[in-house]
Amino acid sequence: MLSDQDKIKWFDCAVKFQLDGLVFLTMKSRKSDGSKWAIEDWTNSSKIKVLNSNMEWEDELPKAKRDEAFLIRTRFDFDSAIAMYEQYKMFAMEPA
């Protein structure tokens, strides 16, 4: 059984959390100024979707094709990502 300290260490290392069904909150980068998270829909694993700041699902682009605008739209700090998904569930939830 894990101690509380071990649980805290494990949580700090976690990079993916299941939100609902095949929707996950996934850490995409970790830098000194904080981590960036994406809300991903894996319903169709050959075409993963990410929730953007307009509450719309868009295709996750290959790393080489991600421009600054894409990253701004689809990457969030942890608290903002959780709040955005909660808002999405209340107001805009529809299949991806």
N, C-alpha and C. Protein backbone atom coordinates (compact mmCIF):
# COMPACT_ATOMS: atom_id res chain seq x y z
N MET A 1 0.84 -1.18 0.00
CA MET A 1 0.00 0.00 0.00
C MET A 1 0.89 1.25 0.00
N LEU A 2 0.49 2.23 -0.79
CA LEU A 2 1.28 3.46 -0.91
C LEU A 2 1.04 4.39 0.27
N SER A 3 2.11 5.00 0.75
CA SER A 3 1.96 6.02 1.78
C SER A 3 1.44 7.30 1.13
N ASP A 4 1.01 8.24 1.95
CA ASP A 4 0.54 9.52 1.39
C ASP A 4 1.63 10.20 0.58
N GLN A 5 2.86 10.14 1.07
CA GLN A 5 3.98 10.75 0.34
C GLN A 5 4.19 10.06 -1.01
N ASP A 6 4.08 8.75 -1.04
CA ASP A 6 4.22 8.00 -2.29
C ASP A 6 3.10 8.35 -3.26
N LYS A 7 1.88 8.53 -2.75
CA LYS A 7 0.76 8.91 -3.60
C LYS A 7 0.99 10.29 -4.21
N ILE A 8 1.51 11.20 -3.42
CA ILE A 8 1.81 12.54 -3.93
C ILE A 8 2.86 12.47 -5.03
N LYS A 9 3.90 11.69 -4.82
CA LYS A 9 4.94 11.52 -5.84
C LYS A 9 4.36 10.91 -7.11
N TRP A 10 3.49 9.89 -6.95
CA TRP A 10 2.87 9.25 -8.10
C TRP A 10 2.02 10.25 -8.87
N PHE A 11 1.21 11.03 -8.15
CA PHE A 11 0.35 12.01 -8.82
C PHE A 11 1.19 13.03 -9.58
N ASP A 12 2.29 13.48 -8.98
CA ASP A 12 3.15 14.45 -9.64
C ASP A 12 3.75 13.91 -10.93
N CYS A 13 3.89 12.59 -11.03
CA CYS A 13 4.46 11.97 -12.23
C CYS A 13 3.40 11.58 -13.25
N ALA A 14 2.14 11.58 -12.84
CA ALA A 14 1.07 11.16 -13.75
C ALA A 14 0.97 12.13 -14.92
N VAL A 15 0.73 11.60 -16.09
CA VAL A 15 0.63 12.44 -17.28
C VAL A 15 -0.69 12.27 -18.01
N LYS A 16 -1.57 11.38 -17.52
CA LYS A 16 -2.83 11.15 -18.21
C LYS A 16 -3.90 10.76 -17.21
N PHE A 17 -5.05 11.44 -17.30
CA PHE A 17 -6.17 11.16 -16.41
C PHE A 17 -7.43 10.95 -17.24
N GLN A 18 -8.19 9.93 -16.92
CA GLN A 18 -9.44 9.67 -17.62
C GLN A 18 -10.51 10.62 -17.07
N LEU A 19 -11.17 11.37 -17.97
CA LEU A 19 -12.23 12.29 -17.57
C LEU A 19 -13.59 11.63 -17.70
N ASP A 20 -13.89 11.12 -18.88
CA ASP A 20 -15.15 10.42 -19.16
C ASP A 20 -14.90 9.45 -20.30
N GLY A 21 -15.31 8.20 -20.15
CA GLY A 21 -15.19 7.24 -21.25
C GLY A 21 -13.81 7.26 -21.86
N LEU A 22 -13.73 7.65 -23.12
CA LEU A 22 -12.45 7.70 -23.82
C LEU A 22 -11.93 9.14 -23.96
N VAL A 23 -12.34 10.01 -23.04
CA VAL A 23 -11.84 11.39 -23.01
C VAL A 23 -10.84 11.49 -21.87
N PHE A 24 -9.64 12.00 -22.20
CA PHE A 24 -8.54 12.06 -21.24
C PHE A 24 -7.96 13.47 -21.16
N LEU A 25 -7.44 13.78 -19.99
CA LEU A 25 -6.63 14.97 -19.80
C LEU A 25 -5.19 14.49 -19.81
N THR A 26 -4.41 14.96 -20.79
CA THR A 26 -3.06 14.44 -21.01
C THR A 26 -2.04 15.57 -20.97
N MET A 27 -0.98 15.37 -20.16
CA MET A 27 0.10 16.35 -20.14
C MET A 27 0.88 16.25 -21.44
N LYS A 28 1.04 17.37 -22.12
CA LYS A 28 1.73 17.40 -23.40
C LYS A 28 3.14 17.95 -23.28
N SER A 29 3.39 18.79 -22.28
CA SER A 29 4.74 19.32 -22.07
C SER A 29 4.90 19.73 -20.62
N ARG A 30 6.13 19.68 -20.16
CA ARG A 30 6.44 20.11 -18.80
C ARG A 30 7.71 20.95 -18.88
N LYS A 31 7.58 22.21 -18.53
CA LYS A 31 8.71 23.13 -18.57
C LYS A 31 8.82 23.81 -17.22
N SER A 32 9.87 24.59 -17.04
CA SER A 32 10.08 25.26 -15.75
C SER A 32 8.95 26.21 -15.40
N ASP A 33 8.26 26.76 -16.40
CA ASP A 33 7.16 27.69 -16.14
C ASP A 33 5.81 26.97 -16.02
N GLY A 34 5.81 25.65 -15.98
CA GLY A 34 4.59 24.88 -15.79
C GLY A 34 4.36 23.88 -16.90
N SER A 35 3.32 23.09 -16.71
CA SER A 35 2.99 22.06 -17.70
C SER A 35 1.81 22.51 -18.54
N LYS A 36 1.71 21.92 -19.72
CA LYS A 36 0.60 22.18 -20.63
C LYS A 36 -0.15 20.88 -20.86
N TRP A 37 -1.47 20.98 -20.81
CA TRP A 37 -2.35 19.82 -20.89
C TRP A 37 -3.30 19.95 -22.07
N ALA A 38 -3.71 18.82 -22.62
CA ALA A 38 -4.71 18.78 -23.69
C ALA A 38 -5.83 17.84 -23.26
N ILE A 39 -7.04 18.17 -23.68
CA ILE A 39 -8.20 17.31 -23.46
C ILE A 39 -8.39 16.53 -24.76
N GLU A 40 -8.19 15.21 -24.68
CA GLU A 40 -8.19 14.37 -25.87
C GLU A 40 -9.37 13.41 -25.89
N ASP A 41 -9.94 13.23 -27.07
CA ASP A 41 -11.00 12.24 -27.29
C ASP A 41 -10.40 11.11 -28.11
N TRP A 42 -10.34 9.93 -27.51
CA TRP A 42 -9.75 8.75 -28.15
C TRP A 42 -10.83 7.81 -28.70
N THR A 43 -12.04 8.30 -28.91
CA THR A 43 -13.11 7.44 -29.42
C THR A 43 -12.68 6.76 -30.71
N ASN A 44 -12.01 7.49 -31.57
CA ASN A 44 -11.46 6.94 -32.80
C ASN A 44 -9.94 7.06 -32.69
N SER A 45 -9.27 6.01 -32.22
CA SER A 45 -7.85 6.09 -31.92
C SER A 45 -6.98 6.37 -33.14
N SER A 46 -7.51 6.18 -34.34
CA SER A 46 -6.72 6.51 -35.53
C SER A 46 -6.82 8.00 -35.87
N LYS A 47 -7.74 8.71 -35.21
CA LYS A 47 -7.91 10.14 -35.46
C LYS A 47 -8.27 10.82 -34.13
N ILE A 48 -7.28 11.04 -33.29
CA ILE A 48 -7.50 11.63 -31.97
C ILE A 48 -7.91 13.09 -32.14
N LYS A 49 -8.90 13.49 -31.35
CA LYS A 49 -9.40 14.87 -31.36
C LYS A 49 -8.97 15.56 -30.07
N VAL A 50 -8.78 16.87 -30.13
CA VAL A 50 -8.50 17.67 -28.94
C VAL A 50 -9.53 18.79 -28.84
N LEU A 51 -9.91 19.09 -27.60
CA LEU A 51 -10.86 20.16 -27.36
C LEU A 51 -10.10 21.48 -27.38
N ASN A 52 -10.61 22.44 -28.16
CA ASN A 52 -9.92 23.73 -28.23
C ASN A 52 -10.64 24.77 -27.37
N SER A 53 -10.08 25.95 -27.29
CA SER A 53 -10.61 27.00 -26.43
C SER A 53 -11.96 27.53 -26.89
N ASN A 54 -12.40 27.17 -28.09
CA ASN A 54 -13.73 27.53 -28.58
C ASN A 54 -14.76 26.45 -28.27
N MET A 55 -14.35 25.46 -27.45
CA MET A 55 -15.21 24.33 -27.07
C MET A 55 -15.58 23.47 -28.28
N GLU A 56 -14.66 23.37 -29.22
CA GLU A 56 -14.85 22.55 -30.41
C GLU A 56 -13.74 21.50 -30.46
N TRP A 57 -14.09 20.35 -31.00
CA TRP A 57 -13.10 19.29 -31.18
C TRP A 57 -12.40 19.50 -32.52
N GLU A 58 -11.10 19.36 -32.52
CA GLU A 58 -10.34 19.41 -33.76
C GLU A 58 -9.31 18.29 -33.75
N ASP A 59 -8.84 17.93 -34.93
CA ASP A 59 -7.86 16.85 -35.03
C ASP A 59 -6.57 17.24 -34.33
N GLU A 60 -5.99 16.28 -33.61
CA GLU A 60 -4.66 16.47 -33.03
C GLU A 60 -3.67 16.38 -34.19
N LEU A 61 -2.90 17.41 -34.37
CA LEU A 61 -1.96 17.45 -35.49
C LEU A 61 -0.66 16.75 -35.14
N PRO A 62 0.03 16.22 -36.16
CA PRO A 62 1.37 15.69 -35.91
C PRO A 62 2.26 16.82 -35.38
N LYS A 63 3.20 16.47 -34.56
CA LYS A 63 4.06 17.47 -33.90
C LYS A 63 4.66 18.47 -34.90
N ALA A 64 5.10 17.99 -36.03
CA ALA A 64 5.74 18.86 -37.02
C ALA A 64 4.78 19.89 -37.62
N LYS A 65 3.48 19.65 -37.54
CA LYS A 65 2.50 20.56 -38.15
C LYS A 65 1.82 21.49 -37.13
N ARG A 66 2.19 21.39 -35.86
CA ARG A 66 1.58 22.22 -34.83
C ARG A 66 2.21 23.61 -34.82
N ASP A 67 1.41 24.61 -35.17
CA ASP A 67 1.93 25.97 -35.11
C ASP A 67 1.54 26.60 -33.77
N GLU A 68 1.99 27.82 -33.54
CA GLU A 68 1.74 28.52 -32.28
C GLU A 68 0.24 28.69 -32.03
N ALA A 69 -0.53 29.00 -33.07
CA ALA A 69 -1.98 29.18 -32.92
C ALA A 69 -2.64 27.89 -32.44
N PHE A 70 -2.24 26.76 -32.99
CA PHE A 70 -2.78 25.47 -32.57
C PHE A 70 -2.48 25.22 -31.10
N LEU A 71 -1.25 25.48 -30.69
CA LEU A 71 -0.86 25.24 -29.30
C LEU A 71 -1.61 26.16 -28.35
N ILE A 72 -1.81 27.40 -28.73
CA ILE A 72 -2.57 28.34 -27.89
C ILE A 72 -4.01 27.88 -27.74
N ARG A 73 -4.61 27.37 -28.83
CA ARG A 73 -6.01 26.92 -28.82
C ARG A 73 -6.22 25.64 -28.04
N THR A 74 -5.21 24.75 -28.00
CA THR A 74 -5.45 23.39 -27.52
C THR A 74 -4.63 22.96 -26.32
N ARG A 75 -3.79 23.83 -25.79
CA ARG A 75 -2.95 23.48 -24.63
C ARG A 75 -3.23 24.45 -23.49
N PHE A 76 -3.39 23.90 -22.28
CA PHE A 76 -3.83 24.70 -21.15
C PHE A 76 -3.07 24.29 -19.89
N ASP A 77 -3.05 25.19 -18.91
CA ASP A 77 -2.53 24.76 -17.61
C ASP A 77 -3.58 23.81 -17.00
N PHE A 78 -3.19 23.06 -16.00
CA PHE A 78 -4.04 22.00 -15.45
C PHE A 78 -5.40 22.54 -14.99
N ASP A 79 -5.39 23.58 -14.18
CA ASP A 79 -6.65 24.11 -13.63
C ASP A 79 -7.57 24.63 -14.73
N SER A 80 -7.01 25.31 -15.71
CA SER A 80 -7.82 25.82 -16.81
C SER A 80 -8.42 24.69 -17.63
N ALA A 81 -7.65 23.64 -17.84
CA ALA A 81 -8.15 22.49 -18.61
C ALA A 81 -9.32 21.82 -17.89
N ILE A 82 -9.19 21.64 -16.58
CA ILE A 82 -10.28 21.02 -15.82
C ILE A 82 -11.53 21.90 -15.87
N ALA A 83 -11.35 23.20 -15.65
CA ALA A 83 -12.49 24.14 -15.68
C ALA A 83 -13.15 24.15 -17.06
N MET A 84 -12.33 24.13 -18.10
CA MET A 84 -12.88 24.17 -19.45
C MET A 84 -13.69 22.90 -19.75
N TYR A 85 -13.18 21.74 -19.34
CA TYR A 85 -13.93 20.52 -19.59
C TYR A 85 -15.24 20.50 -18.80
N GLU A 86 -15.22 21.00 -17.58
CA GLU A 86 -16.46 21.08 -16.80
C GLU A 86 -17.47 21.99 -17.51
N GLN A 87 -17.00 23.10 -18.03
CA GLN A 87 -17.87 24.01 -18.76
C GLN A 87 -18.38 23.34 -20.04
N TYR A 88 -17.52 22.64 -20.74
CA TYR A 88 -17.92 21.91 -21.94
C TYR A 88 -19.03 20.91 -21.62
N LYS A 89 -18.86 20.17 -20.53
CA LYS A 89 -19.87 19.17 -20.16
C LYS A 89 -21.22 19.83 -19.88
N MET A 90 -21.23 21.01 -19.30
CA MET A 90 -22.48 21.67 -18.97
C MET A 90 -23.17 22.31 -20.18
N PHE A 91 -22.38 22.87 -21.10
CA PHE A 91 -22.99 23.70 -22.15
C PHE A 91 -22.84 23.20 -23.57
N ALA A 92 -21.79 22.49 -23.88
CA ALA A 92 -21.51 22.21 -25.29
C ALA A 92 -21.34 20.74 -25.60
N MET A 93 -21.66 19.86 -24.68
CA MET A 93 -21.34 18.45 -24.88
C MET A 93 -22.13 17.87 -26.03
N GLU A 94 -21.38 17.42 -27.02
CA GLU A 94 -21.94 16.70 -28.16
C GLU A 94 -20.85 15.79 -28.66
N PRO A 95 -21.18 14.74 -29.36
CA PRO A 95 -20.15 13.80 -29.82
C PRO A 95 -19.10 14.47 -30.69
N ALA A 96 -17.90 13.99 -30.58
CA ALA A 96 -16.77 14.56 -31.36
C ALA A 96 -16.91 14.27 -32.82
